[in-house]
Amino acid sequence: MGALFVDPGRLNARLSLETPEQAPDGQGGVSEGWTPVASLWGRIEPLRASPDEVAGAAVAVVSHRVTIRHREGVEHAMRFVHRGRGLVIRAVRDPDETRRYLVCDCEEVMS
């Protein structure tokens, strides 16, 4: 299999990589939030949208493919934020095993 070619000029979306964080809420539970990890460039490709239902409310789940330069520590359940939109990472792969790029399958839930 040949190496994946990505035109660096196509990595034109400024992304914030965030990791989930849980903090005590003072009442025995936890409060969930996000902590910024890095700011990086990537390419966002919308793939498909499908209707769904969450807690009885109709929502649309939009799938995206996000390509970034390879970096350690990118894992599923983290998210990218682009222009206020959160893209939760569902899977991460190195498409040609050369450690040059990562392709992340992401989901955005829109209400």
PDB file of N, CA and C in Angstrom:
ATOM      1  N   MET A   1       0.838  -1.168   0.000  1.00  0.00           N
ATOM      2  CA  MET A   1       0.000   0.000   0.000  1.00  0.00           C
ATOM      3  C   MET A   1       0.883   1.231   0.000  1.00  0.00           C
ATOM      4  N   GLY A   2       0.569   2.195  -0.850  1.00  0.00           N
ATOM      5  CA  GLY A   2       1.352   3.405  -0.944  1.00  0.00           C
ATOM      6  C   GLY A   2       1.044   4.383   0.176  1.00  0.00           C
ATOM      7  N   ALA A   3       1.913   5.349   0.312  1.00  0.00           N
ATOM      8  CA  ALA A   3       1.749   6.352   1.351  1.00  0.00           C
ATOM      9  C   ALA A   3       0.593   7.293   1.008  1.00  0.00           C
ATOM     10  N   LEU A   4      -0.129   7.712   2.035  1.00  0.00           N
ATOM     11  CA  LEU A   4      -1.226   8.651   1.866  1.00  0.00           C
ATOM     12  C   LEU A   4      -0.649  10.026   1.558  1.00  0.00           C
ATOM     13  N   PHE A   5      -1.139  10.656   0.502  1.00  0.00           N
ATOM     14  CA  PHE A   5      -0.698  12.007   0.175  1.00  0.00           C
ATOM     15  C   PHE A   5      -1.776  12.992   0.592  1.00  0.00           C
ATOM     16  N   VAL A   6      -1.409  13.919   1.429  1.00  0.00           N
ATOM     17  CA  VAL A   6      -2.318  14.979   1.853  1.00  0.00           C
ATOM     18  C   VAL A   6      -1.640  16.305   1.534  1.00  0.00           C
ATOM     19  N   ASP A   7      -2.304  17.112   0.731  1.00  0.00           N
ATOM     20  CA  ASP A   7      -1.796  18.443   0.422  1.00  0.00           C
ATOM     21  C   ASP A   7      -1.850  19.280   1.701  1.00  0.00           C
ATOM     22  N   PRO A   8      -0.704  19.736   2.233  1.00  0.00           N
ATOM     23  CA  PRO A   8      -0.712  20.500   3.480  1.00  0.00           C
ATOM     24  C   PRO A   8      -1.612  21.744   3.417  1.00  0.00           C
ATOM     25  N   GLY A   9      -1.828  22.291   2.247  1.00  0.00           N
ATOM     26  CA  GLY A   9      -2.707  23.440   2.098  1.00  0.00           C
ATOM     27  C   GLY A   9      -4.165  23.109   2.363  1.00  0.00           C
ATOM     28  N   ARG A  10      -4.516  21.820   2.334  1.00  0.00           N
ATOM     29  CA  ARG A  10      -5.898  21.401   2.613  1.00  0.00           C
ATOM     30  C   ARG A  10      -6.165  21.291   4.106  1.00  0.00           C
ATOM     31  N   LEU A  11      -5.111  21.334   4.934  1.00  0.00           N
ATOM     32  CA  LEU A  11      -5.295  21.344   6.389  1.00  0.00           C
ATOM     33  C   LEU A  11      -5.556  22.797   6.793  1.00  0.00           C
ATOM     34  N   ASN A  12      -6.758  23.285   6.504  1.00  0.00           N
ATOM     35  CA  ASN A  12      -7.032  24.713   6.630  1.00  0.00           C
ATOM     36  C   ASN A  12      -8.049  25.072   7.708  1.00  0.00           C
ATOM     37  N   ALA A  13      -8.418  24.123   8.557  1.00  0.00           N
ATOM     38  CA  ALA A  13      -9.342  24.404   9.657  1.00  0.00           C
ATOM     39  C   ALA A  13      -8.547  24.468  10.960  1.00  0.00           C
ATOM     40  N   ARG A  14      -8.679  25.568  11.687  1.00  0.00           N
ATOM     41  CA  ARG A  14      -7.989  25.703  12.967  1.00  0.00           C
ATOM     42  C   ARG A  14      -8.827  24.994  14.025  1.00  0.00           C
ATOM     43  N   LEU A  15      -8.261  23.968  14.645  1.00  0.00           N
ATOM     44  CA  LEU A  15      -8.979  23.120  15.589  1.00  0.00           C
ATOM     45  C   LEU A  15      -8.380  23.218  16.980  1.00  0.00           C
ATOM     46  N   SER A  16      -9.231  23.080  17.976  1.00  0.00           N
ATOM     47  CA  SER A  16      -8.779  22.943  19.350  1.00  0.00           C
ATOM     48  C   SER A  16      -9.048  21.497  19.750  1.00  0.00           C
ATOM     49  N   LEU A  17      -8.017  20.799  20.212  1.00  0.00           N
ATOM     50  CA  LEU A  17      -8.168  19.429  20.681  1.00  0.00           C
ATOM     51  C   LEU A  17      -8.421  19.486  22.176  1.00  0.00           C
ATOM     52  N   GLU A  18      -9.487  18.828  22.634  1.00  0.00           N
ATOM     53  CA  GLU A  18      -9.859  18.862  24.046  1.00  0.00           C
ATOM     54  C   GLU A  18     -10.046  17.447  24.577  1.00  0.00           C
ATOM     55  N   THR A  19      -9.792  17.282  25.875  1.00  0.00           N
ATOM     56  CA  THR A  19      -9.968  15.994  26.531  1.00  0.00           C
ATOM     57  C   THR A  19     -11.063  16.128  27.595  1.00  0.00           C
ATOM     58  N   PRO A  20     -11.858  15.069  27.789  1.00  0.00           N
ATOM     59  CA  PRO A  20     -12.896  15.156  28.809  1.00  0.00           C
ATOM     60  C   PRO A  20     -12.287  15.181  30.204  1.00  0.00           C
ATOM     61  N   GLU A  21     -12.945  15.922  31.096  1.00  0.00           N
ATOM     62  CA  GLU A  21     -12.454  16.042  32.469  1.00  0.00           C
ATOM     63  C   GLU A  21     -13.631  15.966  33.422  1.00  0.00           C
ATOM     64  N   GLN A  22     -13.438  15.265  34.518  1.00  0.00           N
ATOM     65  CA  GLN A  22     -14.459  15.194  35.548  1.00  0.00           C
ATOM     66  C   GLN A  22     -13.916  15.842  36.809  1.00  0.00           C
ATOM     67  N   ALA A  23     -14.725  16.713  37.414  1.00  0.00           N
ATOM     68  CA  ALA A  23     -14.344  17.402  38.637  1.00  0.00           C
ATOM     69  C   ALA A  23     -15.431  17.175  39.682  1.00  0.00           C
ATOM     70  N   PRO A  24     -15.061  17.049  40.958  1.00  0.00           N
ATOM     71  CA  PRO A  24     -16.075  16.876  41.998  1.00  0.00           C
ATOM     72  C   PRO A  24     -17.018  18.077  42.025  1.00  0.00           C
ATOM     73  N   ASP A  25     -18.318  17.788  42.209  1.00  0.00           N
ATOM     74  CA  ASP A  25     -19.285  18.881  42.228  1.00  0.00           C
ATOM     75  C   ASP A  25     -19.641  19.331  43.642  1.00  0.00           C
ATOM     76  N   GLY A  26     -19.001  18.739  44.663  1.00  0.00           N
ATOM     77  CA  GLY A  26     -19.230  19.135  46.042  1.00  0.00           C
ATOM     78  C   GLY A  26     -20.422  18.446  46.684  1.00  0.00           C
ATOM     79  N   GLN A  27     -21.152  17.632  45.937  1.00  0.00           N
ATOM     80  CA  GLN A  27     -22.309  16.934  46.478  1.00  0.00           C
ATOM     81  C   GLN A  27     -22.178  15.428  46.291  1.00  0.00           C
ATOM     82  N   GLY A  28     -20.975  14.948  46.119  1.00  0.00           N
ATOM     83  CA  GLY A  28     -20.740  13.521  45.956  1.00  0.00           C
ATOM     84  C   GLY A  28     -20.758  13.044  44.518  1.00  0.00           C
ATOM     85  N   GLY A  29     -21.037  13.918  43.600  1.00  0.00           N
ATOM     86  CA  GLY A  29     -21.060  13.561  42.182  1.00  0.00           C
ATOM     87  C   GLY A  29     -19.905  14.220  41.452  1.00  0.00           C
ATOM     88  N   VAL A  30     -20.001  14.219  40.149  1.00  0.00           N
ATOM     89  CA  VAL A  30     -18.960  14.852  39.339  1.00  0.00           C
ATOM     90  C   VAL A  30     -19.598  15.788  38.326  1.00  0.00           C
ATOM     91  N   SER A  31     -18.846  16.766  37.950  1.00  0.00           N
ATOM     92  CA  SER A  31     -19.235  17.697  36.894  1.00  0.00           C
ATOM     93  C   SER A  31     -18.321  17.422  35.707  1.00  0.00           C
ATOM     94  N   GLU A  32     -18.923  17.232  34.537  1.00  0.00           N
ATOM     95  CA  GLU A  32     -18.122  16.922  33.365  1.00  0.00           C
ATOM     96  C   GLU A  32     -17.852  18.174  32.543  1.00  0.00           C
ATOM     97  N   GLY A  33     -16.644  18.258  32.034  1.00  0.00           N
ATOM     98  CA  GLY A  33     -16.259  19.386  31.209  1.00  0.00           C
ATOM     99  C   GLY A  33     -15.140  18.990  30.261  1.00  0.00           C
ATOM    100  N   TRP A  34     -14.553  19.982  29.608  1.00  0.00           N
ATOM    101  CA  TRP A  34     -13.500  19.738  28.622  1.00  0.00           C
ATOM    102  C   TRP A  34     -12.293  20.604  28.941  1.00  0.00           C
ATOM    103  N   THR A  35     -11.100  20.036  28.760  1.00  0.00           N
ATOM    104  CA  THR A  35      -9.846  20.752  28.979  1.00  0.00           C
ATOM    105  C   THR A  35      -9.080  20.822  27.664  1.00  0.00           C
ATOM    106  N   PRO A  36      -8.698  22.029  27.222  1.00  0.00           N
ATOM    107  CA  PRO A  36      -7.914  22.153  25.982  1.00  0.00           C
ATOM    108  C   PRO A  36      -6.550  21.470  26.113  1.00  0.00           C
ATOM    109  N   VAL A  37      -6.155  20.757  25.058  1.00  0.00           N
ATOM    110  CA  VAL A  37      -4.871  20.055  25.018  1.00  0.00           C
ATOM    111  C   VAL A  37      -3.925  20.729  24.030  1.00  0.00           C
ATOM    112  N   ALA A  38      -4.447  21.060  22.837  1.00  0.00           N
ATOM    113  CA  ALA A  38      -3.594  21.628  21.789  1.00  0.00           C
ATOM    114  C   ALA A  38      -4.450  22.384  20.788  1.00  0.00           C
ATOM    115  N   SER A  39      -3.794  23.269  20.071  1.00  0.00           N
ATOM    116  CA  SER A  39      -4.403  23.967  18.947  1.00  0.00           C
ATOM    117  C   SER A  39      -3.642  23.508  17.711  1.00  0.00           C
ATOM    118  N   LEU A  40      -4.378  23.052  16.698  1.00  0.00           N
ATOM    119  CA  LEU A  40      -3.700  22.490  15.528  1.00  0.00           C
ATOM    120  C   LEU A  40      -4.521  22.714  14.267  1.00  0.00           C
ATOM    121  N   TRP A  41      -3.881  22.430  13.131  1.00  0.00           N
ATOM    122  CA  TRP A  41      -4.544  22.563  11.831  1.00  0.00           C
ATOM    123  C   TRP A  41      -5.017  21.205  11.362  1.00  0.00           C
ATOM    124  N   GLY A  42      -6.179  21.188  10.710  1.00  0.00           N
ATOM    125  CA  GLY A  42      -6.705  19.934  10.199  1.00  0.00           C
ATOM    126  C   GLY A  42      -7.654  20.170   9.032  1.00  0.00           C
ATOM    127  N   ARG A  43      -8.148  19.083   8.508  1.00  0.00           N
ATOM    128  CA  ARG A  43      -9.125  19.123   7.413  1.00  0.00           C
ATOM    129  C   ARG A  43     -10.389  18.421   7.877  1.00  0.00           C
ATOM    130  N   ILE A  44     -11.534  19.080   7.735  1.00  0.00           N
ATOM    131  CA  ILE A  44     -12.816  18.515   8.136  1.00  0.00           C
ATOM    132  C   ILE A  44     -13.608  18.176   6.884  1.00  0.00           C
ATOM    133  N   GLU A  45     -14.052  16.925   6.790  1.00  0.00           N
ATOM    134  CA  GLU A  45     -14.880  16.483   5.663  1.00  0.00           C
ATOM    135  C   GLU A  45     -16.198  15.930   6.213  1.00  0.00           C
ATOM    136  N   PRO A  46     -17.321  16.631   5.987  1.00  0.00           N
ATOM    137  CA  PRO A  46     -18.607  16.065   6.395  1.00  0.00           C
ATOM    138  C   PRO A  46     -18.899  14.820   5.558  1.00  0.00           C
ATOM    139  N   LEU A  47     -19.400  13.763   6.201  1.00  0.00           N
ATOM    140  CA  LEU A  47     -19.657  12.518   5.499  1.00  0.00           C
ATOM    141  C   LEU A  47     -21.148  12.228   5.341  1.00  0.00           C
ATOM    142  N   ARG A  48     -21.877  12.241   6.440  1.00  0.00           N
ATOM    143  CA  ARG A  48     -23.305  11.923   6.361  1.00  0.00           C
ATOM    144  C   ARG A  48     -24.014  12.475   7.597  1.00  0.00           C
ATOM    145  N   ALA A  49     -25.327  12.601   7.475  1.00  0.00           N
ATOM    146  CA  ALA A  49     -26.171  13.017   8.588  1.00  0.00           C
ATOM    147  C   ALA A  49     -27.308  12.012   8.709  1.00  0.00           C
ATOM    148  N   SER A  50     -27.660  11.706   9.944  1.00  0.00           N
ATOM    149  CA  SER A  50     -28.761  10.778  10.149  1.00  0.00           C
ATOM    150  C   SER A  50     -29.614  11.244  11.319  1.00  0.00           C
ATOM    151  N   PRO A  51     -30.916  11.086  11.208  1.00  0.00           N
ATOM    152  CA  PRO A  51     -31.785  11.485  12.315  1.00  0.00           C
ATOM    153  C   PRO A  51     -31.671  10.487  13.460  1.00  0.00           C
ATOM    154  N   ASP A  52     -31.840  10.987  14.680  1.00  0.00           N
ATOM    155  CA  ASP A  52     -31.761  10.139  15.858  1.00  0.00           C
ATOM    156  C   ASP A  52     -32.646  10.753  16.940  1.00  0.00           C
ATOM    157  N   GLU A  53     -32.715  10.092  18.058  1.00  0.00           N
ATOM    158  CA  GLU A  53     -33.492  10.597  19.183  1.00  0.00           C
ATOM    159  C   GLU A  53     -32.662  10.453  20.443  1.00  0.00           C
ATOM    160  N   VAL A  54     -32.539  11.534  21.196  1.00  0.00           N
ATOM    161  CA  VAL A  54     -31.795  11.526  22.450  1.00  0.00           C
ATOM    162  C   VAL A  54     -32.709  12.091  23.521  1.00  0.00           C
ATOM    163  N   ALA A  55     -32.985  11.295  24.546  1.00  0.00           N
ATOM    164  CA  ALA A  55     -33.859  11.702  25.653  1.00  0.00           C
ATOM    165  C   ALA A  55     -35.199  12.216  25.137  1.00  0.00           C
ATOM    166  N   GLY A  56     -35.734  11.579  24.124  1.00  0.00           N
ATOM    167  CA  GLY A  56     -37.032  11.940  23.593  1.00  0.00           C
ATOM    168  C   GLY A  56     -37.045  13.123  22.645  1.00  0.00           C
ATOM    169  N   ALA A  57     -35.886  13.705  22.402  1.00  0.00           N
ATOM    170  CA  ALA A  57     -35.804  14.859  21.493  1.00  0.00           C
ATOM    171  C   ALA A  57     -35.170  14.428  20.176  1.00  0.00           C
ATOM    172  N   ALA A  58     -35.713  14.946  19.092  1.00  0.00           N
ATOM    173  CA  ALA A  58     -35.155  14.641  17.771  1.00  0.00           C
ATOM    174  C   ALA A  58     -33.863  15.415  17.565  1.00  0.00           C
ATOM    175  N   VAL A  59     -32.821  14.721  17.130  1.00  0.00           N
ATOM    176  CA  VAL A  59     -31.524  15.336  16.843  1.00  0.00           C
ATOM    177  C   VAL A  59     -30.998  14.785  15.527  1.00  0.00           C
ATOM    178  N   ALA A  60     -29.995  15.431  14.995  1.00  0.00           N
ATOM    179  CA  ALA A  60     -29.302  14.938  13.809  1.00  0.00           C
ATOM    180  C   ALA A  60     -27.859  14.637  14.204  1.00  0.00           C
ATOM    181  N   VAL A  61     -27.385  13.455  13.859  1.00  0.00           N
ATOM    182  CA  VAL A  61     -26.000  13.083  14.113  1.00  0.00           C
ATOM    183  C   VAL A  61     -25.251  13.227  12.793  1.00  0.00           C
ATOM    184  N   VAL A  62     -24.257  14.117  12.785  1.00  0.00           N
ATOM    185  CA  VAL A  62     -23.487  14.385  11.579  1.00  0.00           C
ATOM    186  C   VAL A  62     -22.102  13.765  11.753  1.00  0.00           C
ATOM    187  N   SER A  63     -21.719  12.902  10.807  1.00  0.00           N
ATOM    188  CA  SER A  63     -20.408  12.250  10.848  1.00  0.00           C
ATOM    189  C   SER A  63     -19.411  13.051  10.018  1.00  0.00           C
ATOM    190  N   HIS A  64     -18.184  13.150  10.530  1.00  0.00           N
ATOM    191  CA  HIS A  64     -17.111  13.885   9.860  1.00  0.00           C
ATOM    192  C   HIS A  64     -15.847  13.043   9.853  1.00  0.00           C
ATOM    193  N   ARG A  65     -15.001  13.292   8.884  1.00  0.00           N
ATOM    194  CA  ARG A  65     -13.651  12.745   8.860  1.00  0.00           C
ATOM    195  C   ARG A  65     -12.716  13.927   9.061  1.00  0.00           C
ATOM    196  N   VAL A  66     -11.875  13.850  10.085  1.00  0.00           N
ATOM    197  CA  VAL A  66     -10.926  14.928  10.379  1.00  0.00           C
ATOM    198  C   VAL A  66      -9.523  14.380  10.197  1.00  0.00           C
ATOM    199  N   THR A  67      -8.736  15.039   9.360  1.00  0.00           N
ATOM    200  CA  THR A  67      -7.352  14.642   9.110  1.00  0.00           C
ATOM    201  C   THR A  67      -6.430  15.679   9.731  1.00  0.00           C
ATOM    202  N   ILE A  68      -5.466  15.211  10.536  1.00  0.00           N
ATOM    203  CA  ILE A  68      -4.483  16.094  11.170  1.00  0.00           C
ATOM    204  C   ILE A  68      -3.098  15.475  10.995  1.00  0.00           C
ATOM    205  N   ARG A  69      -2.071  16.284  11.258  1.00  0.00           N
ATOM    206  CA  ARG A  69      -0.720  15.727  11.284  1.00  0.00           C
ATOM    207  C   ARG A  69      -0.609  14.798  12.498  1.00  0.00           C
ATOM    208  N   HIS A  70       0.206  13.769  12.373  1.00  0.00           N
ATOM    209  CA  HIS A  70       0.336  12.784  13.446  1.00  0.00           C
ATOM    210  C   HIS A  70       0.813  13.454  14.730  1.00  0.00           C
ATOM    211  N   ARG A  71       0.202  13.063  15.825  1.00  0.00           N
ATOM    212  CA  ARG A  71       0.644  13.495  17.150  1.00  0.00           C
ATOM    213  C   ARG A  71       0.262  12.411  18.142  1.00  0.00           C
ATOM    214  N   GLU A  72       1.062  12.254  19.157  1.00  0.00           N
ATOM    215  CA  GLU A  72       0.802  11.255  20.191  1.00  0.00           C
ATOM    216  C   GLU A  72      -0.335  11.736  21.091  1.00  0.00           C
ATOM    217  N   GLY A  73      -1.054  10.792  21.667  1.00  0.00           N
ATOM    218  CA  GLY A  73      -2.048  11.120  22.674  1.00  0.00           C
ATOM    219  C   GLY A  73      -3.448  11.416  22.174  1.00  0.00           C
ATOM    220  N   VAL A  74      -3.690  11.352  20.872  1.00  0.00           N
ATOM    221  CA  VAL A  74      -5.043  11.578  20.354  1.00  0.00           C
ATOM    222  C   VAL A  74      -5.808  10.268  20.500  1.00  0.00           C
ATOM    223  N   GLU A  75      -6.935  10.304  21.233  1.00  0.00           N
ATOM    224  CA  GLU A  75      -7.681   9.094  21.541  1.00  0.00           C
ATOM    225  C   GLU A  75      -9.170   9.309  21.328  1.00  0.00           C
ATOM    226  N   HIS A  76      -9.906   8.180  21.215  1.00  0.00           N
ATOM    227  CA  HIS A  76     -11.361   8.294  21.110  1.00  0.00           C
ATOM    228  C   HIS A  76     -11.886   8.921  22.408  1.00  0.00           C
ATOM    229  N   ALA A  77     -13.026   9.540  22.328  1.00  0.00           N
ATOM    230  CA  ALA A  77     -13.695  10.263  23.415  1.00  0.00           C
ATOM    231  C   ALA A  77     -13.143  11.669  23.609  1.00  0.00           C
ATOM    232  N   MET A  78     -12.011  12.005  22.997  1.00  0.00           N
ATOM    233  CA  MET A  78     -11.566  13.397  22.978  1.00  0.00           C
ATOM    234  C   MET A  78     -12.428  14.110  21.943  1.00  0.00           C
ATOM    235  N   ARG A  79     -12.253  15.409  21.777  1.00  0.00           N
ATOM    236  CA  ARG A  79     -13.022  16.112  20.757  1.00  0.00           C
ATOM    237  C   ARG A  79     -12.215  17.246  20.150  1.00  0.00           C
ATOM    238  N   PHE A  80     -12.605  17.600  18.931  1.00  0.00           N
ATOM    239  CA  PHE A  80     -12.106  18.794  18.260  1.00  0.00           C
ATOM    240  C   PHE A  80     -13.198  19.851  18.368  1.00  0.00           C
ATOM    241  N   VAL A  81     -12.794  21.096  18.542  1.00  0.00           N
ATOM    242  CA  VAL A  81     -13.747  22.199  18.508  1.00  0.00           C
ATOM    243  C   VAL A  81     -13.338  23.102  17.353  1.00  0.00           C
ATOM    244  N   HIS A  82     -14.305  23.382  16.484  1.00  0.00           N
ATOM    245  CA  HIS A  82     -14.077  24.240  15.325  1.00  0.00           C
ATOM    246  C   HIS A  82     -15.245  25.209  15.219  1.00  0.00           C
ATOM    247  N   ARG A  83     -14.959  26.491  15.386  1.00  0.00           N
ATOM    248  CA  ARG A  83     -15.985  27.539  15.304  1.00  0.00           C
ATOM    249  C   ARG A  83     -17.189  27.246  16.195  1.00  0.00           C
ATOM    250  N   GLY A  84     -16.902  26.797  17.419  1.00  0.00           N
ATOM    251  CA  GLY A  84     -17.955  26.541  18.390  1.00  0.00           C
ATOM    252  C   GLY A  84     -18.642  25.196  18.271  1.00  0.00           C
ATOM    253  N   ARG A  85     -18.287  24.409  17.281  1.00  0.00           N
ATOM    254  CA  ARG A  85     -18.886  23.086  17.083  1.00  0.00           C
ATOM    255  C   ARG A  85     -17.985  22.017  17.685  1.00  0.00           C
ATOM    256  N   GLY A  86     -18.569  21.091  18.426  1.00  0.00           N
ATOM    257  CA  GLY A  86     -17.802  20.004  19.030  1.00  0.00           C
ATOM    258  C   GLY A  86     -17.895  18.742  18.203  1.00  0.00           C
ATOM    259  N   LEU A  87     -16.748  18.211  17.788  1.00  0.00           N
ATOM    260  CA  LEU A  87     -16.671  16.979  16.995  1.00  0.00           C
ATOM    261  C   LEU A  87     -16.022  15.906  17.873  1.00  0.00           C
ATOM    262  N   VAL A  88     -16.830  15.001  18.429  1.00  0.00           N
ATOM    263  CA  VAL A  88     -16.336  13.968  19.337  1.00  0.00           C
ATOM    264  C   VAL A  88     -15.674  12.858  18.532  1.00  0.00           C
ATOM    265  N   ILE A  89     -14.463  12.494  18.926  1.00  0.00           N
ATOM    266  CA  ILE A  89     -13.696  11.466  18.220  1.00  0.00           C
ATOM    267  C   ILE A  89     -14.215  10.087  18.597  1.00  0.00           C
ATOM    268  N   ARG A  90     -14.610   9.298  17.589  1.00  0.00           N
ATOM    269  CA  ARG A  90     -15.095   7.933  17.797  1.00  0.00           C
ATOM    270  C   ARG A  90     -14.043   6.891  17.447  1.00  0.00           C
ATOM    271  N   ALA A  91     -13.127   7.217  16.522  1.00  0.00           N
ATOM    272  CA  ALA A  91     -12.054   6.286  16.138  1.00  0.00           C
ATOM    273  C   ALA A  91     -10.887   7.085  15.586  1.00  0.00           C
ATOM    274  N   VAL A  92      -9.667   6.584  15.834  1.00  0.00           N
ATOM    275  CA  VAL A  92      -8.434   7.223  15.355  1.00  0.00           C
ATOM    276  C   VAL A  92      -7.603   6.165  14.652  1.00  0.00           C
ATOM    277  N   ARG A  93      -7.065   6.532  13.472  1.00  0.00           N
ATOM    278  CA  ARG A  93      -6.210   5.577  12.764  1.00  0.00           C
ATOM    279  C   ARG A  93      -5.108   6.310  12.000  1.00  0.00           C
ATOM    280  N   ASP A  94      -4.007   5.599  11.827  1.00  0.00           N
ATOM    281  CA  ASP A  94      -2.909   6.056  10.984  1.00  0.00           C
ATOM    282  C   ASP A  94      -3.112   5.335   9.655  1.00  0.00           C
ATOM    283  N   PRO A  95      -3.632   6.017   8.617  1.00  0.00           N
ATOM    284  CA  PRO A  95      -4.094   5.329   7.418  1.00  0.00           C
ATOM    285  C   PRO A  95      -3.041   4.529   6.661  1.00  0.00           C
ATOM    286  N   ASP A  96      -1.790   4.946   6.702  1.00  0.00           N
ATOM    287  CA  ASP A  96      -0.776   4.185   5.970  1.00  0.00           C
ATOM    288  C   ASP A  96       0.400   3.764   6.858  1.00  0.00           C
ATOM    289  N   GLU A  97       0.218   3.876   8.185  1.00  0.00           N
ATOM    290  CA  GLU A  97       1.219   3.445   9.162  1.00  0.00           C
ATOM    291  C   GLU A  97       2.578   4.120   8.998  1.00  0.00           C
ATOM    292  N   THR A  98       2.580   5.362   8.521  1.00  0.00           N
ATOM    293  CA  THR A  98       3.840   6.085   8.362  1.00  0.00           C
ATOM    294  C   THR A  98       4.057   7.137   9.445  1.00  0.00           C
ATOM    295  N   ARG A  99       3.087   7.301  10.343  1.00  0.00           N
ATOM    296  CA  ARG A  99       3.152   8.286  11.432  1.00  0.00           C
ATOM    297  C   ARG A  99       3.268   9.714  10.900  1.00  0.00           C
ATOM    298  N   ARG A 100       2.654   9.961   9.723  1.00  0.00           N
ATOM    299  CA  ARG A 100       2.633  11.320   9.183  1.00  0.00           C
ATOM    300  C   ARG A 100       1.306  12.002   9.436  1.00  0.00           C
ATOM    301  N   TYR A 101       0.212  11.250   9.355  1.00  0.00           N
ATOM    302  CA  TYR A 101      -1.132  11.806   9.522  1.00  0.00           C
ATOM    303  C   TYR A 101      -1.981  10.894  10.396  1.00  0.00           C
ATOM    304  N   LEU A 102      -3.013  11.472  10.997  1.00  0.00           N
ATOM    305  CA  LEU A 102      -4.043  10.712  11.688  1.00  0.00           C
ATOM    306  C   LEU A 102      -5.376  11.062  11.053  1.00  0.00           C
ATOM    307  N   VAL A 103      -6.210  10.056  10.874  1.00  0.00           N
ATOM    308  CA  VAL A 103      -7.564  10.269  10.382  1.00  0.00           C
ATOM    309  C   VAL A 103      -8.498   9.900  11.527  1.00  0.00           C
ATOM    310  N   CYS A 104      -9.356  10.839  11.899  1.00  0.00           N
ATOM    311  CA  CYS A 104     -10.272  10.638  13.015  1.00  0.00           C
ATOM    312  C   CYS A 104     -11.707  10.631  12.504  1.00  0.00           C
ATOM    313  N   ASP A 105     -12.447   9.603  12.879  1.00  0.00           N
ATOM    314  CA  ASP A 105     -13.882   9.552  12.580  1.00  0.00           C
ATOM    315  C   ASP A 105     -14.583  10.218  13.751  1.00  0.00           C
ATOM    316  N   CYS A 106     -15.347  11.272  13.450  1.00  0.00           N
ATOM    317  CA  CYS A 106     -15.954  12.098  14.488  1.00  0.00           C
ATOM    318  C   CYS A 106     -17.458  12.221  14.287  1.00  0.00           C
ATOM    319  N   GLU A 107     -18.158  12.549  15.384  1.00  0.00           N
ATOM    320  CA  GLU A 107     -19.596  12.785  15.328  1.00  0.00           C
ATOM    321  C   GLU A 107     -19.918  14.124  15.992  1.00  0.00           C
ATOM    322  N   GLU A 108     -20.874  14.813  15.388  1.00  0.00           N
ATOM    323  CA  GLU A 108     -21.392  16.058  15.930  1.00  0.00           C
ATOM    324  C   GLU A 108     -22.898  15.858  16.098  1.00  0.00           C
ATOM    325  N   VAL A 109     -23.411  16.088  17.293  1.00  0.00           N
ATOM    326  CA  VAL A 109     -24.848  15.943  17.539  1.00  0.00           C
ATOM    327  C   VAL A 109     -25.471  17.330  17.486  1.00  0.00           C
ATOM    328  N   MET A 110     -26.439  17.487  16.577  1.00  0.00           N
ATOM    329  CA  MET A 110     -27.099  18.783  16.400  1.00  0.00           C
ATOM    330  C   MET A 110     -28.566  18.639  16.805  1.00  0.00           C
ATOM    331  N   SER A 111     -29.031  19.553  17.652  1.00  0.00           N
ATOM    332  CA  SER A 111     -30.440  19.484  18.064  1.00  0.00           C
ATOM    333  C   SER A 111     -31.300  20.436  17.269  1.00  0.00           C
TER     334      SER A 111
END
